[in-house]
């Protein structure tokens, strides 16, 4: 699809091995982003006492961590699966995000805004590479 993302482009491969479905490992997401239980409770709108990562994980926690894992993988694809670069990107203050790190946006409850920034950046990136690909094919 030229100029935008295809319908299925927002679910990348599980590059960083968080797992999917029954193989999803929820603890890997807060570990990757260095999030505390208090951060996870805020993200999922549950009490700190109910944050857990075993078979009794609250559904809201699991769903939100799966969404975040997917978004982390979107970024990892840009960095060709490099976990260190992906981690660095999430931890670095970003002027395009109001000089706040993507990790802090997630931590402070602005995950959805960050996700939209990432998807829009992917669209721009894909649009910018489309003319170059057409030029290369023509020559």
C-alpha atoms as a PDB file:
ATOM      1  CA  UNK A   1       0.000   0.000   0.000  1.00  0.00           C
ATOM      2  CA  UNK A   2       1.563   3.249  -1.119  1.00  0.00           C
ATOM      3  CA  UNK A   3       1.485   6.266   1.174  1.00  0.00           C
ATOM      4  CA  UNK A   4       0.229   4.491   4.270  1.00  0.00           C
ATOM      5  CA  UNK A   5       0.218   1.350   6.293  1.00  0.00           C
ATOM      6  CA  UNK A   6      -1.576  -1.725   5.149  1.00  0.00           C
ATOM      7  CA  UNK A   7      -4.316  -3.161   7.298  1.00  0.00           C
ATOM      8  CA  UNK A   8      -1.985  -5.771   8.788  1.00  0.00           C
ATOM      9  CA  UNK A   9       1.217  -3.714   9.097  1.00  0.00           C
ATOM     10  CA  UNK A  10       0.510  -2.707  12.708  1.00  0.00           C
ATOM     11  CA  UNK A  11       1.153  -6.234  14.007  1.00  0.00           C
ATOM     12  CA  UNK A  12       4.844  -6.881  13.449  1.00  0.00           C
ATOM     13  CA  UNK A  13       6.712 -10.105  13.981  1.00  0.00           C
ATOM     14  CA  UNK A  14       7.509 -10.824  17.626  1.00  0.00           C
ATOM     15  CA  UNK A  15      11.071  -9.646  17.094  1.00  0.00           C
ATOM     16  CA  UNK A  16      11.896  -9.262  20.784  1.00  0.00           C
ATOM     17  CA  UNK A  17      10.283 -12.565  21.796  1.00  0.00           C
ATOM     18  CA  UNK A  18       7.617 -11.349  24.219  1.00  0.00           C
ATOM     19  CA  UNK A  19       5.398 -14.158  22.977  1.00  0.00           C
ATOM     20  CA  UNK A  20       1.809 -14.021  21.782  1.00  0.00           C
ATOM     21  CA  UNK A  21      -1.411 -15.578  22.974  1.00  0.00           C
ATOM     22  CA  UNK A  22      -0.824 -18.369  25.462  1.00  0.00           C
ATOM     23  CA  UNK A  23       2.964 -18.005  25.058  1.00  0.00           C
ATOM     24  CA  UNK A  24       2.915 -14.290  25.994  1.00  0.00           C
ATOM     25  CA  UNK A  25       5.335 -13.541  28.845  1.00  0.00           C
ATOM     26  CA  UNK A  26       3.892 -10.409  30.487  1.00  0.00           C
ATOM     27  CA  UNK A  27       6.803  -9.848  32.888  1.00  0.00           C
ATOM     28  CA  UNK A  28       9.170  -9.241  29.953  1.00  0.00           C
ATOM     29  CA  UNK A  29       7.455  -5.963  29.036  1.00  0.00           C
ATOM     30  CA  UNK A  30       7.942  -4.109  32.344  1.00  0.00           C
ATOM     31  CA  UNK A  31      11.426  -5.626  32.555  1.00  0.00           C
ATOM     32  CA  UNK A  32      12.287  -4.315  29.063  1.00  0.00           C
ATOM     33  CA  UNK A  33      11.012  -0.820  29.907  1.00  0.00           C
ATOM     34  CA  UNK A  34      12.147  -0.903  33.543  1.00  0.00           C
ATOM     35  CA  UNK A  35       8.601  -0.265  34.806  1.00  0.00           C
ATOM     36  CA  UNK A  36       7.640  -0.660  38.452  1.00  0.00           C
ATOM     37  CA  UNK A  37       4.439  -2.307  39.679  1.00  0.00           C
ATOM     38  CA  UNK A  38       3.075   1.188  40.361  1.00  0.00           C
ATOM     39  CA  UNK A  39       3.606   2.101  36.706  1.00  0.00           C
ATOM     40  CA  UNK A  40       1.888  -1.066  35.495  1.00  0.00           C
ATOM     41  CA  UNK A  41      -1.032  -0.508  37.856  1.00  0.00           C
ATOM     42  CA  UNK A  42      -1.491   3.012  36.467  1.00  0.00           C
ATOM     43  CA  UNK A  43      -1.292   1.753  32.868  1.00  0.00           C
ATOM     44  CA  UNK A  44      -3.882  -0.951  33.411  1.00  0.00           C
ATOM     45  CA  UNK A  45      -6.082   0.950  35.878  1.00  0.00           C
ATOM     46  CA  UNK A  46      -5.803  -1.702  38.574  1.00  0.00           C
ATOM     47  CA  UNK A  47      -4.533  -1.555  42.153  1.00  0.00           C
ATOM     48  CA  UNK A  48      -0.837  -2.098  42.764  1.00  0.00           C
ATOM     49  CA  UNK A  49      -1.681  -5.140  44.896  1.00  0.00           C
ATOM     50  CA  UNK A  50      -3.341  -6.872  41.952  1.00  0.00           C
ATOM     51  CA  UNK A  51      -0.379  -6.472  39.563  1.00  0.00           C
ATOM     52  CA  UNK A  52       1.098  -9.907  38.982  1.00  0.00           C
ATOM     53  CA  UNK A  53       2.559 -11.779  36.042  1.00  0.00           C
ATOM     54  CA  UNK A  54       1.579 -15.395  36.684  1.00  0.00           C
ATOM     55  CA  UNK A  55      -1.501 -17.344  35.562  1.00  0.00           C
ATOM     56  CA  UNK A  56      -3.675 -15.127  37.781  1.00  0.00           C
ATOM     57  CA  UNK A  57      -2.667 -11.927  35.962  1.00  0.00           C
ATOM     58  CA  UNK A  58      -5.635  -9.537  35.763  1.00  0.00           C
ATOM     59  CA  UNK A  59      -7.008  -9.385  32.223  1.00  0.00           C
ATOM     60  CA  UNK A  60      -6.568  -5.572  32.068  1.00  0.00           C
ATOM     61  CA  UNK A  61      -2.876  -5.933  32.918  1.00  0.00           C
ATOM     62  CA  UNK A  62      -2.350  -8.684  30.360  1.00  0.00           C
ATOM     63  CA  UNK A  63      -4.154  -6.790  27.580  1.00  0.00           C
ATOM     64  CA  UNK A  64      -2.292  -3.541  28.184  1.00  0.00           C
ATOM     65  CA  UNK A  65       1.098  -5.283  28.352  1.00  0.00           C
ATOM     66  CA  UNK A  66       0.333  -7.152  25.120  1.00  0.00           C
ATOM     67  CA  UNK A  67      -0.523  -3.832  23.431  1.00  0.00           C
ATOM     68  CA  UNK A  68       2.717  -2.306  24.679  1.00  0.00           C
ATOM     69  CA  UNK A  69       4.725  -5.379  23.595  1.00  0.00           C
ATOM     70  CA  UNK A  70       3.274  -5.018  20.110  1.00  0.00           C
ATOM     71  CA  UNK A  71       4.258  -1.343  20.010  1.00  0.00           C
ATOM     72  CA  UNK A  72       7.780  -2.148  21.223  1.00  0.00           C
ATOM     73  CA  UNK A  73       8.043  -4.690  18.404  1.00  0.00           C
ATOM     74  CA  UNK A  74       6.918  -2.045  15.874  1.00  0.00           C
ATOM     75  CA  UNK A  75       9.867   0.082  16.958  1.00  0.00           C
ATOM     76  CA  UNK A  76      12.209  -2.932  17.014  1.00  0.00           C
ATOM     77  CA  UNK A  77      11.402  -3.603  13.351  1.00  0.00           C
ATOM     78  CA  UNK A  78      12.647  -0.094  12.500  1.00  0.00           C
ATOM     79  CA  UNK A  79      15.920  -0.976  14.245  1.00  0.00           C
ATOM     80  CA  UNK A  80      16.084  -4.330  12.425  1.00  0.00           C
ATOM     81  CA  UNK A  81      15.423  -6.302  15.616  1.00  0.00           C
ATOM     82  CA  UNK A  82      18.259  -4.694  17.579  1.00  0.00           C
ATOM     83  CA  UNK A  83      17.066  -4.884  21.203  1.00  0.00           C
ATOM     84  CA  UNK A  84      19.756  -2.492  22.453  1.00  0.00           C
ATOM     85  CA  UNK A  85      18.839   0.232  19.960  1.00  0.00           C
ATOM     86  CA  UNK A  86      15.143  -0.303  20.692  1.00  0.00           C
ATOM     87  CA  UNK A  87      15.763   0.005  24.428  1.00  0.00           C
ATOM     88  CA  UNK A  88      17.868   3.119  23.894  1.00  0.00           C
ATOM     89  CA  UNK A  89      15.107   4.692  21.786  1.00  0.00           C
ATOM     90  CA  UNK A  90      12.489   4.062  24.475  1.00  0.00           C
ATOM     91  CA  UNK A  91      14.728   5.544  27.185  1.00  0.00           C
ATOM     92  CA  UNK A  92      16.051   8.598  25.303  1.00  0.00           C
ATOM     93  CA  UNK A  93      14.301  11.945  25.599  1.00  0.00           C
ATOM     94  CA  UNK A  94      12.779  12.728  22.235  1.00  0.00           C
ATOM     95  CA  UNK A  95      12.188  16.297  21.004  1.00  0.00           C
ATOM     96  CA  UNK A  96       9.367  15.045  18.747  1.00  0.00           C
ATOM     97  CA  UNK A  97       7.566  13.860  21.896  1.00  0.00           C
ATOM     98  CA  UNK A  98       7.916  17.103  23.833  1.00  0.00           C
ATOM     99  CA  UNK A  99      11.405  16.195  25.079  1.00  0.00           C
ATOM    100  CA  UNK A 100       9.991  13.219  27.004  1.00  0.00           C
ATOM    101  CA  UNK A 101      11.227   9.661  26.566  1.00  0.00           C
ATOM    102  CA  UNK A 102       8.813   7.124  25.046  1.00  0.00           C
ATOM    103  CA  UNK A 103       9.250   5.045  28.212  1.00  0.00           C
ATOM    104  CA  UNK A 104       8.105   7.976  30.340  1.00  0.00           C
ATOM    105  CA  UNK A 105       5.133   8.578  28.067  1.00  0.00           C
ATOM    106  CA  UNK A 106       4.070   4.990  28.721  1.00  0.00           C
ATOM    107  CA  UNK A 107       4.841   5.268  32.418  1.00  0.00           C
ATOM    108  CA  UNK A 108       2.838   8.489  32.753  1.00  0.00           C
ATOM    109  CA  UNK A 109      -0.246   7.058  31.065  1.00  0.00           C
ATOM    110  CA  UNK A 110       0.248   8.574  27.609  1.00  0.00           C
ATOM    111  CA  UNK A 111       0.685   5.232  25.871  1.00  0.00           C
ATOM    112  CA  UNK A 112      -2.079   5.779  23.306  1.00  0.00           C
ATOM    113  CA  UNK A 113      -0.585   9.115  22.255  1.00  0.00           C
ATOM    114  CA  UNK A 114       2.828   7.465  21.868  1.00  0.00           C
ATOM    115  CA  UNK A 115       1.344   4.616  19.825  1.00  0.00           C
ATOM    116  CA  UNK A 116      -0.217   7.138  17.439  1.00  0.00           C
ATOM    117  CA  UNK A 117       3.109   8.958  17.067  1.00  0.00           C
ATOM    118  CA  UNK A 118       4.829   5.668  16.240  1.00  0.00           C
ATOM    119  CA  UNK A 119       2.196   4.597  13.697  1.00  0.00           C
ATOM    120  CA  UNK A 120       2.276   8.034  12.034  1.00  0.00           C
ATOM    121  CA  UNK A 121       6.081   7.897  11.880  1.00  0.00           C
ATOM    122  CA  UNK A 122       5.844   4.467  10.247  1.00  0.00           C
ATOM    123  CA  UNK A 123       3.438   5.875   7.653  1.00  0.00           C
ATOM    124  CA  UNK A 124       5.799   8.786   6.923  1.00  0.00           C
ATOM    125  CA  UNK A 125       8.767   6.411   6.715  1.00  0.00           C
ATOM    126  CA  UNK A 126       6.944   4.106   4.324  1.00  0.00           C
ATOM    127  CA  UNK A 127       5.792   7.050   2.190  1.00  0.00           C
ATOM    128  CA  UNK A 128       9.320   8.434   2.007  1.00  0.00           C
ATOM    129  CA  UNK A 129      10.783   5.094   0.948  1.00  0.00           C
ATOM    130  CA  UNK A 130       8.140   4.393  -1.716  1.00  0.00           C
ATOM    131  CA  UNK A 131       9.448   6.944  -4.289  1.00  0.00           C
ATOM    132  CA  UNK A 132      13.021   5.721  -3.768  1.00  0.00           C
ATOM    133  CA  UNK A 133      11.944   2.133  -4.397  1.00  0.00           C
ATOM    134  CA  UNK A 134      10.097   3.131  -7.583  1.00  0.00           C
ATOM    135  CA  UNK A 135      13.140   5.073  -8.774  1.00  0.00           C
ATOM    136  CA  UNK A 136      15.418   2.081  -8.120  1.00  0.00           C
ATOM    137  CA  UNK A 137      13.071  -0.224 -10.067  1.00  0.00           C
ATOM    138  CA  UNK A 138      12.968   2.198 -13.016  1.00  0.00           C
ATOM    139  CA  UNK A 139      16.754   2.425 -13.246  1.00  0.00           C
END
